[in-house]
Amino acid sequence: MNIDDFQALINKMYSDKDRERGSAATFLWLCEEVGELAAALREGSHEDKCGEFADVLAWLVTLANINDVNLSKALHAKYGDGCPGCGRMICTCQTKP
């Protein structure tokens, strides 16, 4: 499944609820999932980590959907030509861009 497919799937499954909840509450859910990912990275099994990575991605996609952001287009615009800082495919920035 590619990013467009996943974004469409999440939109189909949850769009009405997600738009009703709004950006602020959805962002809080995303933050909670990032916290659960942090715990899984610290002490979880590989299966726990996989599940939490999937949850974080799903909530990020949800937030993008309710803000009408196409993640594939956004990713391509920012990273499609290489590092946003130095413009190269293999980053040569001395500091974080």
N, C-alpha and C. Protein backbone atom coordinates (compact mmCIF):
# COMPACT_ATOMS: atom_id res chain seq x y z
N MET A 1 0.85 -1.17 0.00
CA MET A 1 0.00 0.00 0.00
C MET A 1 0.90 1.24 0.00
N ASN A 2 0.62 2.19 -0.89
CA ASN A 2 1.40 3.42 -0.89
C ASN A 2 0.72 4.49 -0.04
N ILE A 3 1.34 5.63 0.07
CA ILE A 3 0.83 6.69 0.95
C ILE A 3 -0.54 7.18 0.49
N ASP A 4 -0.72 7.37 -0.83
CA ASP A 4 -2.03 7.81 -1.32
C ASP A 4 -3.11 6.80 -0.98
N ASP A 5 -2.81 5.51 -1.16
CA ASP A 5 -3.79 4.47 -0.84
C ASP A 5 -4.14 4.48 0.64
N PHE A 6 -3.13 4.61 1.48
CA PHE A 6 -3.36 4.61 2.93
C PHE A 6 -4.16 5.84 3.35
N GLN A 7 -3.83 6.99 2.78
CA GLN A 7 -4.55 8.20 3.12
C GLN A 7 -6.02 8.08 2.70
N ALA A 8 -6.27 7.51 1.54
CA ALA A 8 -7.65 7.31 1.07
C ALA A 8 -8.39 6.30 1.96
N LEU A 9 -7.70 5.24 2.37
CA LEU A 9 -8.31 4.23 3.23
C LEU A 9 -8.72 4.83 4.58
N ILE A 10 -7.81 5.57 5.20
CA ILE A 10 -8.13 6.20 6.49
C ILE A 10 -9.27 7.19 6.32
N ASN A 11 -9.26 7.94 5.23
CA ASN A 11 -10.33 8.90 4.97
C ASN A 11 -11.67 8.18 4.84
N LYS A 12 -11.68 7.07 4.10
CA LYS A 12 -12.92 6.31 3.89
C LYS A 12 -13.45 5.74 5.21
N MET A 13 -12.56 5.22 6.03
CA MET A 13 -12.97 4.58 7.28
C MET A 13 -13.41 5.58 8.35
N TYR A 14 -12.73 6.72 8.43
CA TYR A 14 -12.90 7.57 9.61
C TYR A 14 -13.24 9.04 9.35
N SER A 15 -13.38 9.44 8.11
CA SER A 15 -13.48 10.86 7.77
C SER A 15 -14.53 11.63 8.57
N ASP A 16 -15.74 11.10 8.66
CA ASP A 16 -16.80 11.84 9.34
C ASP A 16 -16.45 12.10 10.80
N LYS A 17 -16.01 11.05 11.51
CA LYS A 17 -15.62 11.20 12.92
C LYS A 17 -14.44 12.15 13.07
N ASP A 18 -13.47 11.99 12.17
CA ASP A 18 -12.24 12.78 12.28
C ASP A 18 -12.52 14.27 12.09
N ARG A 19 -13.31 14.61 11.10
CA ARG A 19 -13.61 16.02 10.84
C ARG A 19 -14.45 16.61 11.97
N GLU A 20 -15.31 15.80 12.56
CA GLU A 20 -16.10 16.26 13.70
C GLU A 20 -15.20 16.55 14.91
N ARG A 21 -14.20 15.71 15.12
CA ARG A 21 -13.27 15.87 16.25
C ARG A 21 -12.43 17.12 16.08
N GLY A 22 -11.99 17.39 14.86
CA GLY A 22 -11.20 18.59 14.57
C GLY A 22 -9.70 18.39 14.76
N SER A 23 -8.98 19.39 14.33
CA SER A 23 -7.51 19.32 14.34
C SER A 23 -6.91 19.27 15.74
N ALA A 24 -7.40 20.10 16.64
CA ALA A 24 -6.78 20.17 17.96
C ALA A 24 -6.87 18.84 18.71
N ALA A 25 -8.05 18.25 18.73
CA ALA A 25 -8.23 16.98 19.43
C ALA A 25 -7.49 15.85 18.72
N THR A 26 -7.47 15.90 17.40
CA THR A 26 -6.75 14.88 16.64
C THR A 26 -5.26 14.97 16.90
N PHE A 27 -4.75 16.18 17.00
CA PHE A 27 -3.34 16.35 17.31
C PHE A 27 -3.00 15.75 18.68
N LEU A 28 -3.89 15.91 19.64
CA LEU A 28 -3.67 15.32 20.96
C LEU A 28 -3.63 13.79 20.88
N TRP A 29 -4.50 13.20 20.05
CA TRP A 29 -4.46 11.76 19.85
C TRP A 29 -3.12 11.34 19.24
N LEU A 30 -2.66 12.12 18.25
CA LEU A 30 -1.36 11.83 17.63
C LEU A 30 -0.26 11.86 18.69
N CYS A 31 -0.28 12.86 19.53
CA CYS A 31 0.74 12.98 20.59
C CYS A 31 0.68 11.79 21.53
N GLU A 32 -0.51 11.34 21.87
CA GLU A 32 -0.65 10.18 22.74
C GLU A 32 -0.04 8.94 22.08
N GLU A 33 -0.28 8.79 20.78
CA GLU A 33 0.28 7.65 20.06
C GLU A 33 1.80 7.73 19.98
N VAL A 34 2.34 8.94 19.84
CA VAL A 34 3.80 9.09 19.83
C VAL A 34 4.36 8.67 21.19
N GLY A 35 3.66 8.99 22.26
CA GLY A 35 4.07 8.55 23.59
C GLY A 35 4.06 7.03 23.71
N GLU A 36 3.03 6.40 23.14
CA GLU A 36 2.97 4.94 23.17
C GLU A 36 4.10 4.33 22.33
N LEU A 37 4.44 4.99 21.23
CA LEU A 37 5.57 4.53 20.42
C LEU A 37 6.87 4.64 21.22
N ALA A 38 7.03 5.74 21.94
CA ALA A 38 8.23 5.91 22.76
C ALA A 38 8.36 4.78 23.78
N ALA A 39 7.26 4.41 24.41
CA ALA A 39 7.29 3.32 25.38
C ALA A 39 7.64 1.99 24.70
N ALA A 40 7.07 1.76 23.51
CA ALA A 40 7.35 0.52 22.79
C ALA A 40 8.82 0.47 22.36
N LEU A 41 9.37 1.59 21.94
CA LEU A 41 10.78 1.63 21.55
C LEU A 41 11.68 1.33 22.74
N ARG A 42 11.25 1.79 23.89
CA ARG A 42 12.05 1.61 25.10
C ARG A 42 12.00 0.18 25.61
N GLU A 43 10.79 -0.42 25.60
CA GLU A 43 10.69 -1.71 26.26
C GLU A 43 9.74 -2.70 25.58
N GLY A 44 9.25 -2.39 24.42
CA GLY A 44 8.29 -3.26 23.76
C GLY A 44 8.92 -4.29 22.86
N SER A 45 8.10 -5.23 22.48
CA SER A 45 8.53 -6.26 21.52
C SER A 45 8.53 -5.65 20.11
N HIS A 46 9.07 -6.41 19.17
CA HIS A 46 9.06 -5.95 17.79
C HIS A 46 7.61 -5.76 17.31
N GLU A 47 6.74 -6.66 17.71
CA GLU A 47 5.32 -6.56 17.34
C GLU A 47 4.70 -5.29 17.93
N ASP A 48 5.02 -4.97 19.17
CA ASP A 48 4.53 -3.74 19.80
C ASP A 48 4.98 -2.51 19.00
N LYS A 49 6.26 -2.51 18.64
CA LYS A 49 6.82 -1.38 17.87
C LYS A 49 6.11 -1.23 16.53
N CYS A 50 5.90 -2.34 15.84
CA CYS A 50 5.22 -2.29 14.54
C CYS A 50 3.82 -1.70 14.68
N GLY A 51 3.10 -2.14 15.69
CA GLY A 51 1.74 -1.63 15.91
C GLY A 51 1.73 -0.15 16.23
N GLU A 52 2.66 0.29 17.04
CA GLU A 52 2.70 1.71 17.41
C GLU A 52 3.16 2.59 16.25
N PHE A 53 4.10 2.12 15.44
CA PHE A 53 4.48 2.88 14.24
C PHE A 53 3.26 3.04 13.34
N ALA A 54 2.49 1.97 13.17
CA ALA A 54 1.29 2.03 12.33
C ALA A 54 0.27 3.01 12.90
N ASP A 55 0.09 3.00 14.22
CA ASP A 55 -0.86 3.93 14.84
C ASP A 55 -0.43 5.37 14.66
N VAL A 56 0.86 5.66 14.85
CA VAL A 56 1.36 7.04 14.68
C VAL A 56 1.12 7.49 13.24
N LEU A 57 1.42 6.63 12.30
CA LEU A 57 1.22 6.99 10.89
C LEU A 57 -0.25 7.22 10.60
N ALA A 58 -1.12 6.37 11.14
CA ALA A 58 -2.56 6.53 10.91
C ALA A 58 -3.07 7.86 11.47
N TRP A 59 -2.62 8.24 12.65
CA TRP A 59 -3.08 9.51 13.23
C TRP A 59 -2.48 10.70 12.50
N LEU A 60 -1.26 10.59 11.99
CA LEU A 60 -0.68 11.65 11.19
C LEU A 60 -1.47 11.82 9.89
N VAL A 61 -1.82 10.71 9.26
CA VAL A 61 -2.63 10.75 8.04
C VAL A 61 -4.00 11.35 8.33
N THR A 62 -4.58 10.99 9.46
CA THR A 62 -5.86 11.55 9.86
C THR A 62 -5.78 13.07 9.96
N LEU A 63 -4.75 13.55 10.61
CA LEU A 63 -4.55 14.99 10.77
C LEU A 63 -4.38 15.65 9.41
N ALA A 64 -3.64 15.02 8.52
CA ALA A 64 -3.49 15.56 7.16
C ALA A 64 -4.83 15.59 6.44
N ASN A 65 -5.60 14.53 6.55
CA ASN A 65 -6.90 14.47 5.89
C ASN A 65 -7.82 15.59 6.33
N ILE A 66 -7.93 15.81 7.61
CA ILE A 66 -8.88 16.84 8.06
C ILE A 66 -8.38 18.25 7.79
N ASN A 67 -7.11 18.36 7.40
CA ASN A 67 -6.57 19.66 7.01
C ASN A 67 -6.35 19.75 5.49
N ASP A 68 -6.93 18.78 4.77
CA ASP A 68 -6.88 18.76 3.30
C ASP A 68 -5.46 18.82 2.75
N VAL A 69 -4.55 18.07 3.38
CA VAL A 69 -3.16 17.97 2.93
C VAL A 69 -2.95 16.60 2.30
N ASN A 70 -2.54 16.58 1.04
CA ASN A 70 -2.17 15.36 0.37
C ASN A 70 -0.71 15.08 0.73
N LEU A 71 -0.50 14.03 1.53
CA LEU A 71 0.85 13.76 2.03
C LEU A 71 1.83 13.40 0.92
N SER A 72 1.39 12.67 -0.09
CA SER A 72 2.31 12.34 -1.20
C SER A 72 2.82 13.60 -1.87
N LYS A 73 1.92 14.52 -2.14
CA LYS A 73 2.32 15.78 -2.78
C LYS A 73 3.21 16.59 -1.86
N ALA A 74 2.86 16.64 -0.58
CA ALA A 74 3.67 17.40 0.38
C ALA A 74 5.07 16.81 0.52
N LEU A 75 5.16 15.49 0.57
CA LEU A 75 6.47 14.84 0.68
C LEU A 75 7.31 15.08 -0.57
N HIS A 76 6.67 14.94 -1.72
CA HIS A 76 7.41 15.16 -2.96
C HIS A 76 7.89 16.61 -3.07
N ALA A 77 7.02 17.55 -2.70
CA ALA A 77 7.40 18.97 -2.78
C ALA A 77 8.58 19.28 -1.87
N LYS A 78 8.61 18.68 -0.69
CA LYS A 78 9.67 19.00 0.27
C LYS A 78 10.93 18.17 0.09
N TYR A 79 10.77 16.88 -0.22
CA TYR A 79 11.91 15.96 -0.25
C TYR A 79 12.18 15.31 -1.59
N GLY A 80 11.34 15.55 -2.58
CA GLY A 80 11.45 14.86 -3.87
C GLY A 80 12.72 15.15 -4.63
N ASP A 81 13.33 16.31 -4.39
CA ASP A 81 14.57 16.66 -5.09
C ASP A 81 15.79 16.54 -4.19
N GLY A 82 15.63 15.93 -3.03
CA GLY A 82 16.75 15.76 -2.10
C GLY A 82 16.55 16.52 -0.81
N CYS A 83 17.61 16.67 -0.09
CA CYS A 83 17.59 17.35 1.21
C CYS A 83 17.09 18.78 1.04
N PRO A 84 16.13 19.20 1.85
CA PRO A 84 15.65 20.58 1.75
C PRO A 84 16.73 21.62 2.08
N GLY A 85 17.74 21.21 2.84
CA GLY A 85 18.80 22.14 3.21
C GLY A 85 19.85 22.33 2.13
N CYS A 86 20.44 21.22 1.67
CA CYS A 86 21.53 21.32 0.70
C CYS A 86 21.11 20.96 -0.72
N GLY A 87 19.93 20.36 -0.87
CA GLY A 87 19.44 20.02 -2.19
C GLY A 87 20.03 18.74 -2.78
N ARG A 88 20.80 18.00 -2.01
CA ARG A 88 21.44 16.79 -2.52
C ARG A 88 20.70 15.54 -2.03
N MET A 89 20.82 14.47 -2.80
CA MET A 89 20.18 13.21 -2.39
C MET A 89 20.88 12.61 -1.18
N ILE A 90 22.17 12.76 -1.08
CA ILE A 90 22.89 12.37 0.12
C ILE A 90 23.24 13.67 0.84
N CYS A 91 22.61 13.89 1.96
CA CYS A 91 22.73 15.17 2.66
C CYS A 91 24.18 15.46 3.05
N THR A 92 24.58 16.68 2.76
CA THR A 92 25.93 17.14 3.14
C THR A 92 25.85 18.33 4.10
N CYS A 93 24.66 18.57 4.64
CA CYS A 93 24.51 19.68 5.60
C CYS A 93 25.36 19.42 6.83
N GLN A 94 25.96 20.47 7.35
CA GLN A 94 26.74 20.32 8.57
C GLN A 94 25.86 20.36 9.81
N THR A 95 24.70 20.98 9.67
CA THR A 95 23.72 21.04 10.77
C THR A 95 22.39 20.58 10.24
N LYS A 96 21.48 20.33 11.13
CA LYS A 96 20.14 19.89 10.76
C LYS A 96 19.44 20.98 9.96
N PRO A 97 18.88 20.64 8.75
CA PRO A 97 18.18 21.67 7.95
C PRO A 97 16.91 22.16 8.61
